[in-house]
């Protein structure tokens, strides 16, 4: 597990994941190549940071991206900006990462 999850930290991570999911729920809010664009779009990393998850969640979301896609992305921005990545992929990865956090002991 890429994080040490006490009950308090698990709750905080789940809250940050829920905020991230809500920020990106609408496809029009998701973007590429910029953490936050002038028109209010977020890339995956920008949404994680805006939701308060930032660095704490990068590893778990990257791990989920690797599992969902079967591709060994070395960094989360490369997954987000990959031309084959769709909004559907982003949401599936976020849901997978959320489930991983919820399953943590």
PDB file of N, CA and C in Angstrom:
ATOM      1  N   UNK A   1       0.845  -1.176   0.000  1.00  0.00           N
ATOM      2  CA  UNK A   1       0.000   0.000   0.000  1.00  0.00           C
ATOM      3  C   UNK A   1       0.890   1.239   0.000  1.00  0.00           C
ATOM      4  N   UNK A   2       0.621   2.216  -0.857  1.00  0.00           N
ATOM      5  CA  UNK A   2       1.500   3.376  -0.956  1.00  0.00           C
ATOM      6  C   UNK A   2       1.310   4.411   0.137  1.00  0.00           C
ATOM      7  N   UNK A   3       0.492   4.133   1.117  1.00  0.00           N
ATOM      8  CA  UNK A   3       0.319   5.079   2.206  1.00  0.00           C
ATOM      9  C   UNK A   3       0.021   4.308   3.473  1.00  0.00           C
ATOM     10  N   UNK A   4       0.335   4.914   4.599  1.00  0.00           N
ATOM     11  CA  UNK A   4       0.048   4.319   5.894  1.00  0.00           C
ATOM     12  C   UNK A   4      -1.288   4.878   6.343  1.00  0.00           C
ATOM     13  N   UNK A   5      -2.291   4.026   6.426  1.00  0.00           N
ATOM     14  CA  UNK A   5      -3.643   4.514   6.651  1.00  0.00           C
ATOM     15  C   UNK A   5      -4.144   4.221   8.051  1.00  0.00           C
ATOM     16  N   UNK A   6      -4.160   5.223   8.881  1.00  0.00           N
ATOM     17  CA  UNK A   6      -4.879   5.136  10.145  1.00  0.00           C
ATOM     18  C   UNK A   6      -6.315   5.512   9.828  1.00  0.00           C
ATOM     19  N   UNK A   7      -7.261   5.218  10.718  1.00  0.00           N
ATOM     20  CA  UNK A   7      -8.650   5.598  10.411  1.00  0.00           C
ATOM     21  C   UNK A   7      -8.806   7.085  10.085  1.00  0.00           C
ATOM     22  N   UNK A   8      -8.116   7.945  10.818  1.00  0.00           N
ATOM     23  CA  UNK A   8      -8.241   9.385  10.560  1.00  0.00           C
ATOM     24  C   UNK A   8      -7.679   9.742   9.193  1.00  0.00           C
ATOM     25  N   UNK A   9      -6.527   9.179   8.845  1.00  0.00           N
ATOM     26  CA  UNK A   9      -5.951   9.521   7.547  1.00  0.00           C
ATOM     27  C   UNK A   9      -6.759   8.899   6.409  1.00  0.00           C
ATOM     28  N   UNK A  10      -7.322   7.711   6.632  1.00  0.00           N
ATOM     29  CA  UNK A  10      -8.163   7.097   5.611  1.00  0.00           C
ATOM     30  C   UNK A  10      -9.374   7.976   5.329  1.00  0.00           C
ATOM     31  N   UNK A  11     -10.005   8.486   6.374  1.00  0.00           N
ATOM     32  CA  UNK A  11     -11.160   9.369   6.187  1.00  0.00           C
ATOM     33  C   UNK A  11     -10.764  10.621   5.406  1.00  0.00           C
ATOM     34  N   UNK A  12      -9.624  11.190   5.735  1.00  0.00           N
ATOM     35  CA  UNK A  12      -9.157  12.381   5.020  1.00  0.00           C
ATOM     36  C   UNK A  12      -8.843  12.090   3.568  1.00  0.00           C
ATOM     37  N   UNK A  13      -8.240  10.940   3.303  1.00  0.00           N
ATOM     38  CA  UNK A  13      -7.930  10.561   1.927  1.00  0.00           C
ATOM     39  C   UNK A  13      -9.208  10.301   1.132  1.00  0.00           C
ATOM     40  N   UNK A  14     -10.176   9.658   1.758  1.00  0.00           N
ATOM     41  CA  UNK A  14     -11.451   9.423   1.073  1.00  0.00           C
ATOM     42  C   UNK A  14     -12.165  10.737   0.770  1.00  0.00           C
ATOM     43  N   UNK A  15     -12.107  11.669   1.690  1.00  0.00           N
ATOM     44  CA  UNK A  15     -12.723  12.982   1.462  1.00  0.00           C
ATOM     45  C   UNK A  15     -12.047  13.682   0.286  1.00  0.00           C
ATOM     46  N   UNK A  16     -10.726  13.643   0.254  1.00  0.00           N
ATOM     47  CA  UNK A  16      -9.991  14.265  -0.860  1.00  0.00           C
ATOM     48  C   UNK A  16     -10.307  13.572  -2.182  1.00  0.00           C
ATOM     49  N   UNK A  17     -10.440  12.242  -2.154  1.00  0.00           N
ATOM     50  CA  UNK A  17     -10.794  11.517  -3.387  1.00  0.00           C
ATOM     51  C   UNK A  17     -12.191  11.906  -3.840  1.00  0.00           C
ATOM     52  N   UNK A  18     -13.132  11.989  -2.904  1.00  0.00           N
ATOM     53  CA  UNK A  18     -14.503  12.375  -3.270  1.00  0.00           C
ATOM     54  C   UNK A  18     -14.535  13.774  -3.876  1.00  0.00           C
ATOM     55  N   UNK A  19     -13.759  14.682  -3.323  1.00  0.00           N
ATOM     56  CA  UNK A  19     -13.686  16.042  -3.876  1.00  0.00           C
ATOM     57  C   UNK A  19     -13.087  16.026  -5.282  1.00  0.00           C
ATOM     58  N   UNK A  20     -12.054  15.207  -5.469  1.00  0.00           N
ATOM     59  CA  UNK A  20     -11.420  15.095  -6.793  1.00  0.00           C
ATOM     60  C   UNK A  20     -12.418  14.551  -7.806  1.00  0.00           C
ATOM     61  N   UNK A  21     -13.126  13.498  -7.417  1.00  0.00           N
ATOM     62  CA  UNK A  21     -14.134  12.907  -8.301  1.00  0.00           C
ATOM     63  C   UNK A  21     -15.193  13.938  -8.658  1.00  0.00           C
ATOM     64  N   UNK A  22     -15.623  14.705  -7.684  1.00  0.00           N
ATOM     65  CA  UNK A  22     -16.637  15.726  -7.946  1.00  0.00           C
ATOM     66  C   UNK A  22     -16.098  16.815  -8.884  1.00  0.00           C
ATOM     67  N   UNK A  23     -14.850  17.228  -8.691  1.00  0.00           N
ATOM     68  CA  UNK A  23     -14.254  18.246  -9.570  1.00  0.00           C
ATOM     69  C   UNK A  23     -14.206  17.794 -11.019  1.00  0.00           C
ATOM     70  N   UNK A  24     -13.974  16.501 -11.237  1.00  0.00           N
ATOM     71  CA  UNK A  24     -13.798  15.993 -12.604  1.00  0.00           C
ATOM     72  C   UNK A  24     -15.006  15.236 -13.137  1.00  0.00           C
ATOM     73  N   UNK A  25     -16.081  15.183 -12.365  1.00  0.00           N
ATOM     74  CA  UNK A  25     -17.266  14.410 -12.776  1.00  0.00           C
ATOM     75  C   UNK A  25     -17.767  14.843 -14.160  1.00  0.00           C
ATOM     76  N   UNK A  26     -17.817  16.134 -14.386  1.00  0.00           N
ATOM     77  CA  UNK A  26     -18.250  16.678 -15.674  1.00  0.00           C
ATOM     78  C   UNK A  26     -17.039  16.689 -16.614  1.00  0.00           C
ATOM     79  N   UNK A  27     -17.160  16.043 -17.738  1.00  0.00           N
ATOM     80  CA  UNK A  27     -16.048  15.955 -18.688  1.00  0.00           C
ATOM     81  C   UNK A  27     -15.519  17.329 -19.096  1.00  0.00           C
ATOM     82  N   UNK A  28     -16.375  18.330 -19.107  1.00  0.00           N
ATOM     83  CA  UNK A  28     -15.959  19.681 -19.491  1.00  0.00           C
ATOM     84  C   UNK A  28     -14.986  20.290 -18.482  1.00  0.00           C
ATOM     85  N   UNK A  29     -14.868  19.717 -17.289  1.00  0.00           N
ATOM     86  CA  UNK A  29     -13.960  20.236 -16.256  1.00  0.00           C
ATOM     87  C   UNK A  29     -12.578  19.583 -16.314  1.00  0.00           C
ATOM     88  N   UNK A  30     -12.423  18.531 -17.126  1.00  0.00           N
ATOM     89  CA  UNK A  30     -11.147  17.822 -17.234  1.00  0.00           C
ATOM     90  C   UNK A  30     -10.326  18.383 -18.393  1.00  0.00           C
ATOM     91  N   UNK A  31      -9.032  18.513 -18.176  1.00  0.00           N
ATOM     92  CA  UNK A  31      -8.162  19.006 -19.226  1.00  0.00           C
ATOM     93  C   UNK A  31      -6.827  18.294 -19.235  1.00  0.00           C
ATOM     94  N   UNK A  32      -5.998  18.692 -20.141  1.00  0.00           N
ATOM     95  CA  UNK A  32      -4.668  18.103 -20.318  1.00  0.00           C
ATOM     96  C   UNK A  32      -3.607  19.194 -20.257  1.00  0.00           C
ATOM     97  N   UNK A  33      -2.414  18.794 -19.929  1.00  0.00           N
ATOM     98  CA  UNK A  33      -1.185  19.597 -19.995  1.00  0.00           C
ATOM     99  C   UNK A  33      -1.087  20.788 -19.048  1.00  0.00           C
ATOM    100  N   UNK A  34      -2.129  21.132 -18.329  1.00  0.00           N
ATOM    101  CA  UNK A  34      -2.080  22.219 -17.341  1.00  0.00           C
ATOM    102  C   UNK A  34      -2.791  21.747 -16.086  1.00  0.00           C
ATOM    103  N   UNK A  35      -2.199  22.019 -14.929  1.00  0.00           N
ATOM    104  CA  UNK A  35      -2.873  21.624 -13.688  1.00  0.00           C
ATOM    105  C   UNK A  35      -4.229  22.296 -13.580  1.00  0.00           C
ATOM    106  N   UNK A  36      -4.266  23.591 -13.864  1.00  0.00           N
ATOM    107  CA  UNK A  36      -5.517  24.344 -13.891  1.00  0.00           C
ATOM    108  C   UNK A  36      -5.441  25.302 -15.067  1.00  0.00           C
ATOM    109  N   UNK A  37      -6.419  25.236 -15.933  1.00  0.00           N
ATOM    110  CA  UNK A  37      -6.403  26.112 -17.109  1.00  0.00           C
ATOM    111  C   UNK A  37      -7.169  27.395 -16.823  1.00  0.00           C
ATOM    112  N   UNK A  38      -6.997  28.367 -17.694  1.00  0.00           N
ATOM    113  CA  UNK A  38      -7.672  29.662 -17.538  1.00  0.00           C
ATOM    114  C   UNK A  38      -9.193  29.517 -17.578  1.00  0.00           C
ATOM    115  N   UNK A  39      -9.687  28.484 -18.274  1.00  0.00           N
ATOM    116  CA  UNK A  39     -11.139  28.292 -18.362  1.00  0.00           C
ATOM    117  C   UNK A  39     -11.691  27.356 -17.286  1.00  0.00           C
ATOM    118  N   UNK A  40     -10.865  27.036 -16.277  1.00  0.00           N
ATOM    119  CA  UNK A  40     -11.349  26.277 -15.129  1.00  0.00           C
ATOM    120  C   UNK A  40     -11.259  24.771 -15.226  1.00  0.00           C
ATOM    121  N   UNK A  41     -10.552  24.271 -16.218  1.00  0.00           N
ATOM    122  CA  UNK A  41     -10.360  22.820 -16.328  1.00  0.00           C
ATOM    123  C   UNK A  41      -9.207  22.387 -15.435  1.00  0.00           C
ATOM    124  N   UNK A  42      -9.285  21.156 -14.970  1.00  0.00           N
ATOM    125  CA  UNK A  42      -8.217  20.575 -14.161  1.00  0.00           C
ATOM    126  C   UNK A  42      -7.682  19.325 -14.840  1.00  0.00           C
ATOM    127  N   UNK A  43      -6.376  19.164 -14.822  1.00  0.00           N
ATOM    128  CA  UNK A  43      -5.829  17.858 -15.150  1.00  0.00           C
ATOM    129  C   UNK A  43      -5.970  17.024 -13.882  1.00  0.00           C
ATOM    130  N   UNK A  44      -5.655  15.760 -13.967  1.00  0.00           N
ATOM    131  CA  UNK A  44      -5.809  14.875 -12.816  1.00  0.00           C
ATOM    132  C   UNK A  44      -4.996  15.352 -11.616  1.00  0.00           C
ATOM    133  N   UNK A  45      -3.761  15.758 -11.849  1.00  0.00           N
ATOM    134  CA  UNK A  45      -2.902  16.237 -10.755  1.00  0.00           C
ATOM    135  C   UNK A  45      -3.445  17.541 -10.180  1.00  0.00           C
ATOM    136  N   UNK A  46      -3.880  18.445 -11.034  1.00  0.00           N
ATOM    137  CA  UNK A  46      -4.450  19.705 -10.562  1.00  0.00           C
ATOM    138  C   UNK A  46      -5.693  19.494  -9.720  1.00  0.00           C
ATOM    139  N   UNK A  47      -6.544  18.544 -10.125  1.00  0.00           N
ATOM    140  CA  UNK A  47      -7.759  18.258  -9.361  1.00  0.00           C
ATOM    141  C   UNK A  47      -7.409  17.643  -8.010  1.00  0.00           C
ATOM    142  N   UNK A  48      -6.430  16.739  -7.983  1.00  0.00           N
ATOM    143  CA  UNK A  48      -6.000  16.148  -6.713  1.00  0.00           C
ATOM    144  C   UNK A  48      -5.502  17.230  -5.756  1.00  0.00           C
ATOM    145  N   UNK A  49      -4.724  18.157  -6.276  1.00  0.00           N
ATOM    146  CA  UNK A  49      -4.206  19.239  -5.432  1.00  0.00           C
ATOM    147  C   UNK A  49      -5.326  20.165  -4.981  1.00  0.00           C
ATOM    148  N   UNK A  50      -6.228  20.542  -5.892  1.00  0.00           N
ATOM    149  CA  UNK A  50      -7.324  21.441  -5.551  1.00  0.00           C
ATOM    150  C   UNK A  50      -8.254  20.820  -4.506  1.00  0.00           C
ATOM    151  N   UNK A  51      -8.360  19.498  -4.520  1.00  0.00           N
ATOM    152  CA  UNK A  51      -9.230  18.791  -3.584  1.00  0.00           C
ATOM    153  C   UNK A  51      -8.561  18.514  -2.241  1.00  0.00           C
ATOM    154  N   UNK A  52      -7.296  18.887  -2.125  1.00  0.00           N
ATOM    155  CA  UNK A  52      -6.598  18.691  -0.864  1.00  0.00           C
ATOM    156  C   UNK A  52      -5.876  17.367  -0.752  1.00  0.00           C
ATOM    157  N   UNK A  53      -5.821  16.596  -1.818  1.00  0.00           N
ATOM    158  CA  UNK A  53      -5.159  15.297  -1.785  1.00  0.00           C
ATOM    159  C   UNK A  53      -3.721  15.347  -2.223  1.00  0.00           C
ATOM    160  N   UNK A  54      -3.465  16.128  -3.235  1.00  0.00           N
ATOM    161  CA  UNK A  54      -2.120  16.345  -3.760  1.00  0.00           C
ATOM    162  C   UNK A  54      -1.164  15.182  -3.666  1.00  0.00           C
ATOM    163  N   UNK A  55      -0.047  15.435  -3.068  1.00  0.00           N
ATOM    164  CA  UNK A  55       1.042  14.460  -2.986  1.00  0.00           C
ATOM    165  C   UNK A  55       0.633  13.165  -2.299  1.00  0.00           C
ATOM    166  N   UNK A  56      -0.257  13.246  -1.327  1.00  0.00           N
ATOM    167  CA  UNK A  56      -0.659  12.048  -0.589  1.00  0.00           C
ATOM    168  C   UNK A  56      -1.344  11.029  -1.481  1.00  0.00           C
ATOM    169  N   UNK A  57      -2.010  11.492  -2.535  1.00  0.00           N
ATOM    170  CA  UNK A  57      -2.783  10.584  -3.365  1.00  0.00           C
ATOM    171  C   UNK A  57      -2.135  10.244  -4.702  1.00  0.00           C
ATOM    172  N   UNK A  58      -1.066  10.922  -5.067  1.00  0.00           N
ATOM    173  CA  UNK A  58      -0.459  10.684  -6.373  1.00  0.00           C
ATOM    174  C   UNK A  58      -0.093   9.221  -6.584  1.00  0.00           C
ATOM    175  N   UNK A  59       0.543   8.599  -5.591  1.00  0.00           N
ATOM    176  CA  UNK A  59       1.005   7.216  -5.751  1.00  0.00           C
ATOM    177  C   UNK A  59      -0.165   6.245  -5.897  1.00  0.00           C
ATOM    178  N   UNK A  60      -1.203   6.408  -5.101  1.00  0.00           N
ATOM    179  CA  UNK A  60      -2.335   5.479  -5.176  1.00  0.00           C
ATOM    180  C   UNK A  60      -3.099   5.654  -6.487  1.00  0.00           C
ATOM    181  N   UNK A  61      -3.215   6.881  -6.978  1.00  0.00           N
ATOM    182  CA  UNK A  61      -3.909   7.118  -8.248  1.00  0.00           C
ATOM    183  C   UNK A  61      -3.049   6.609  -9.418  1.00  0.00           C
ATOM    184  N   UNK A  62      -1.749   6.802  -9.351  1.00  0.00           N
ATOM    185  CA  UNK A  62      -0.869   6.267 -10.394  1.00  0.00           C
ATOM    186  C   UNK A  62      -0.938   4.747 -10.423  1.00  0.00           C
ATOM    187  N   UNK A  63      -0.943   4.123  -9.263  1.00  0.00           N
ATOM    188  CA  UNK A  63      -1.067   2.669  -9.192  1.00  0.00           C
ATOM    189  C   UNK A  63      -2.379   2.202  -9.818  1.00  0.00           C
ATOM    190  N   UNK A  64      -3.456   2.914  -9.548  1.00  0.00           N
ATOM    191  CA  UNK A  64      -4.756   2.576 -10.141  1.00  0.00           C
ATOM    192  C   UNK A  64      -4.724   2.755 -11.658  1.00  0.00           C
ATOM    193  N   UNK A  65      -4.069   3.806 -12.140  1.00  0.00           N
ATOM    194  CA  UNK A  65      -3.958   4.024 -13.590  1.00  0.00           C
ATOM    195  C   UNK A  65      -3.214   2.874 -14.250  1.00  0.00           C
ATOM    196  N   UNK A  66      -2.173   2.402 -13.619  1.00  0.00           N
ATOM    197  CA  UNK A  66      -1.418   1.270 -14.162  1.00  0.00           C
ATOM    198  C   UNK A  66      -2.276   0.008 -14.210  1.00  0.00           C
ATOM    199  N   UNK A  67      -3.051  -0.238 -13.150  1.00  0.00           N
ATOM    200  CA  UNK A  67      -3.909  -1.425 -13.118  1.00  0.00           C
ATOM    201  C   UNK A  67      -5.017  -1.337 -14.164  1.00  0.00           C
ATOM    202  N   UNK A  68      -5.660  -0.189 -14.251  1.00  0.00           N
ATOM    203  CA  UNK A  68      -6.792  -0.020 -15.176  1.00  0.00           C
ATOM    204  C   UNK A  68      -6.343  -0.128 -16.631  1.00  0.00           C
ATOM    205  N   UNK A  69      -5.221   0.505 -16.957  1.00  0.00           N
ATOM    206  CA  UNK A  69      -4.777   0.540 -18.352  1.00  0.00           C
ATOM    207  C   UNK A  69      -3.869  -0.620 -18.736  1.00  0.00           C
ATOM    208  N   UNK A  70      -3.211  -1.219 -17.749  1.00  0.00           N
ATOM    209  CA  UNK A  70      -2.228  -2.254 -18.045  1.00  0.00           C
ATOM    210  C   UNK A  70      -0.930  -1.690 -18.595  1.00  0.00           C
ATOM    211  N   UNK A  71      -0.765  -0.377 -18.508  1.00  0.00           N
ATOM    212  CA  UNK A  71       0.449   0.278 -19.014  1.00  0.00           C
ATOM    213  C   UNK A  71       1.248   0.835 -17.840  1.00  0.00           C
ATOM    214  N   UNK A  72       2.569   0.652 -17.842  1.00  0.00           N
ATOM    215  CA  UNK A  72       3.393   1.090 -16.699  1.00  0.00           C
ATOM    216  C   UNK A  72       3.778   2.572 -16.746  1.00  0.00           C
ATOM    217  N   UNK A  73       2.790   3.451 -16.677  1.00  0.00           N
ATOM    218  CA  UNK A  73       3.091   4.887 -16.685  1.00  0.00           C
ATOM    219  C   UNK A  73       4.062   5.215 -15.560  1.00  0.00           C
ATOM    220  N   UNK A  74       5.158   5.924 -15.866  1.00  0.00           N
ATOM    221  CA  UNK A  74       6.098   6.291 -14.808  1.00  0.00           C
ATOM    222  C   UNK A  74       5.623   7.494 -13.978  1.00  0.00           C
ATOM    223  N   UNK A  75       4.723   8.301 -14.563  1.00  0.00           N
ATOM    224  CA  UNK A  75       4.211   9.488 -13.859  1.00  0.00           C
ATOM    225  C   UNK A  75       2.732   9.683 -14.201  1.00  0.00           C
ATOM    226  N   UNK A  76       2.012  10.277 -13.283  1.00  0.00           N
ATOM    227  CA  UNK A  76       0.574  10.478 -13.460  1.00  0.00           C
ATOM    228  C   UNK A  76       0.259  11.450 -14.596  1.00  0.00           C
ATOM    229  N   UNK A  77       1.083  12.457 -14.794  1.00  0.00           N
ATOM    230  CA  UNK A  77       0.819  13.403 -15.885  1.00  0.00           C
ATOM    231  C   UNK A  77       0.890  12.723 -17.249  1.00  0.00           C
ATOM    232  N   UNK A  78       1.729  11.701 -17.371  1.00  0.00           N
ATOM    233  CA  UNK A  78       1.823  10.983 -18.647  1.00  0.00           C
ATOM    234  C   UNK A  78       0.553  10.184 -18.928  1.00  0.00           C
ATOM    235  N   UNK A  79      -0.072   9.669 -17.893  1.00  0.00           N
ATOM    236  CA  UNK A  79      -1.373   9.011 -18.047  1.00  0.00           C
ATOM    237  C   UNK A  79      -2.424  10.046 -18.453  1.00  0.00           C
ATOM    238  N   UNK A  80      -2.523  11.138 -17.706  1.00  0.00           N
ATOM    239  CA  UNK A  80      -3.522  12.168 -17.976  1.00  0.00           C
ATOM    240  C   UNK A  80      -3.402  12.708 -19.400  1.00  0.00           C
ATOM    241  N   UNK A  81      -2.178  12.948 -19.845  1.00  0.00           N
ATOM    242  CA  UNK A  81      -1.957  13.603 -21.135  1.00  0.00           C
ATOM    243  C   UNK A  81      -1.841  12.643 -22.315  1.00  0.00           C
ATOM    244  N   UNK A  82      -1.883  11.344 -22.052  1.00  0.00           N
ATOM    245  CA  UNK A  82      -1.803  10.353 -23.125  1.00  0.00           C
ATOM    246  C   UNK A  82      -3.005  10.539 -24.054  1.00  0.00           C
ATOM    247  N   UNK A  83      -2.790  10.617 -25.370  1.00  0.00           N
ATOM    248  CA  UNK A  83      -3.912  10.806 -26.294  1.00  0.00           C
ATOM    249  C   UNK A  83      -4.977   9.710 -26.205  1.00  0.00           C
ATOM    250  N   UNK A  84      -4.625   8.520 -25.731  1.00  0.00           N
ATOM    251  CA  UNK A  84      -5.625   7.457 -25.616  1.00  0.00           C
ATOM    252  C   UNK A  84      -6.428   7.543 -24.321  1.00  0.00           C
ATOM    253  N   UNK A  85      -5.997   8.380 -23.384  1.00  0.00           N
ATOM    254  CA  UNK A  85      -6.730   8.545 -22.132  1.00  0.00           C
ATOM    255  C   UNK A  85      -7.972   9.387 -22.377  1.00  0.00           C
ATOM    256  N   UNK A  86      -9.103   8.864 -21.932  1.00  0.00           N
ATOM    257  CA  UNK A  86     -10.372   9.583 -22.060  1.00  0.00           C
ATOM    258  C   UNK A  86     -10.884   9.959 -20.667  1.00  0.00           C
ATOM    259  N   UNK A  87     -11.919  10.759 -20.645  1.00  0.00           N
ATOM    260  CA  UNK A  87     -12.557  11.113 -19.385  1.00  0.00           C
ATOM    261  C   UNK A  87     -13.050   9.846 -18.677  1.00  0.00           C
ATOM    262  N   UNK A  88     -13.538   8.898 -19.435  1.00  0.00           N
ATOM    263  CA  UNK A  88     -14.000   7.629 -18.866  1.00  0.00           C
ATOM    264  C   UNK A  88     -12.862   6.935 -18.131  1.00  0.00           C
ATOM    265  N   UNK A  89     -11.652   6.948 -18.707  1.00  0.00           N
ATOM    266  CA  UNK A  89     -10.478   6.355 -18.039  1.00  0.00           C
ATOM    267  C   UNK A  89     -10.165   7.089 -16.738  1.00  0.00           C
ATOM    268  N   UNK A  90     -10.200   8.401 -16.794  1.00  0.00           N
ATOM    269  CA  UNK A  90      -9.911   9.217 -15.603  1.00  0.00           C
ATOM    270  C   UNK A  90     -10.861   8.839 -14.466  1.00  0.00           C
ATOM    271  N   UNK A  91     -12.145   8.766 -14.770  1.00  0.00           N
ATOM    272  CA  UNK A  91     -13.124   8.450 -13.738  1.00  0.00           C
ATOM    273  C   UNK A  91     -12.966   7.020 -13.229  1.00  0.00           C
ATOM    274  N   UNK A  92     -12.655   6.085 -14.107  1.00  0.00           N
ATOM    275  CA  UNK A  92     -12.445   4.699 -13.673  1.00  0.00           C
ATOM    276  C   UNK A  92     -11.243   4.602 -12.745  1.00  0.00           C
ATOM    277  N   UNK A  93     -10.192   5.320 -13.064  1.00  0.00           N
ATOM    278  CA  UNK A  93      -8.990   5.321 -12.223  1.00  0.00           C
ATOM    279  C   UNK A  93      -9.293   5.933 -10.858  1.00  0.00           C
ATOM    280  N   UNK A  94     -10.024   7.032 -10.841  1.00  0.00           N
ATOM    281  CA  UNK A  94     -10.363   7.659  -9.565  1.00  0.00           C
ATOM    282  C   UNK A  94     -11.226   6.737  -8.706  1.00  0.00           C
ATOM    283  N   UNK A  95     -12.172   6.054  -9.303  1.00  0.00           N
ATOM    284  CA  UNK A  95     -13.015   5.113  -8.551  1.00  0.00           C
ATOM    285  C   UNK A  95     -12.180   3.942  -8.029  1.00  0.00           C
ATOM    286  N   UNK A  96     -11.277   3.433  -8.838  1.00  0.00           N
ATOM    287  CA  UNK A  96     -10.392   2.337  -8.415  1.00  0.00           C
ATOM    288  C   UNK A  96      -9.513   2.783  -7.248  1.00  0.00           C
ATOM    289  N   UNK A  97      -8.951   3.973  -7.353  1.00  0.00           N
ATOM    290  CA  UNK A  97      -8.102   4.488  -6.279  1.00  0.00           C
ATOM    291  C   UNK A  97      -8.918   4.683  -5.000  1.00  0.00           C
ATOM    292  N   UNK A  98     -10.123   5.177  -5.132  1.00  0.00           N
ATOM    293  CA  UNK A  98     -10.978   5.366  -3.958  1.00  0.00           C
ATOM    294  C   UNK A  98     -11.264   4.031  -3.283  1.00  0.00           C
ATOM    295  N   UNK A  99     -11.559   3.018  -4.078  1.00  0.00           N
ATOM    296  CA  UNK A  99     -11.828   1.694  -3.524  1.00  0.00           C
ATOM    297  C   UNK A  99     -10.589   1.130  -2.816  1.00  0.00           C
ATOM    298  N   UNK A 100      -9.412   1.366  -3.390  1.00  0.00           N
ATOM    299  CA  UNK A 100      -8.184   0.901  -2.758  1.00  0.00           C
ATOM    300  C   UNK A 100      -8.001   1.557  -1.381  1.00  0.00           C
ATOM    301  N   UNK A 101      -8.255   2.843  -1.309  1.00  0.00           N
ATOM    302  CA  UNK A 101      -8.137   3.543  -0.023  1.00  0.00           C
ATOM    303  C   UNK A 101      -9.156   2.981   0.964  1.00  0.00           C
ATOM    304  N   UNK A 102     -10.386   2.789   0.516  1.00  0.00           N
ATOM    305  CA  UNK A 102     -11.435   2.298   1.404  1.00  0.00           C
ATOM    306  C   UNK A 102     -11.133   0.892   1.926  1.00  0.00           C
ATOM    307  N   UNK A 103     -10.425   0.089   1.134  1.00  0.00           N
ATOM    308  CA  UNK A 103     -10.071  -1.276   1.556  1.00  0.00           C
ATOM    309  C   UNK A 103      -8.879  -1.323   2.485  1.00  0.00           C
ATOM    310  N   UNK A 104      -8.146  -0.231   2.595  1.00  0.00           N
ATOM    311  CA  UNK A 104      -6.923  -0.257   3.404  1.00  0.00           C
ATOM    312  C   UNK A 104      -7.269  -0.514   4.871  1.00  0.00           C
ATOM    313  N   UNK A 105      -6.399  -1.244   5.556  1.00  0.00           N
ATOM    314  CA  UNK A 105      -6.674  -1.591   6.971  1.00  0.00           C
ATOM    315  C   UNK A 105      -6.608  -0.385   7.894  1.00  0.00           C
TER     316      UNK A 105
END
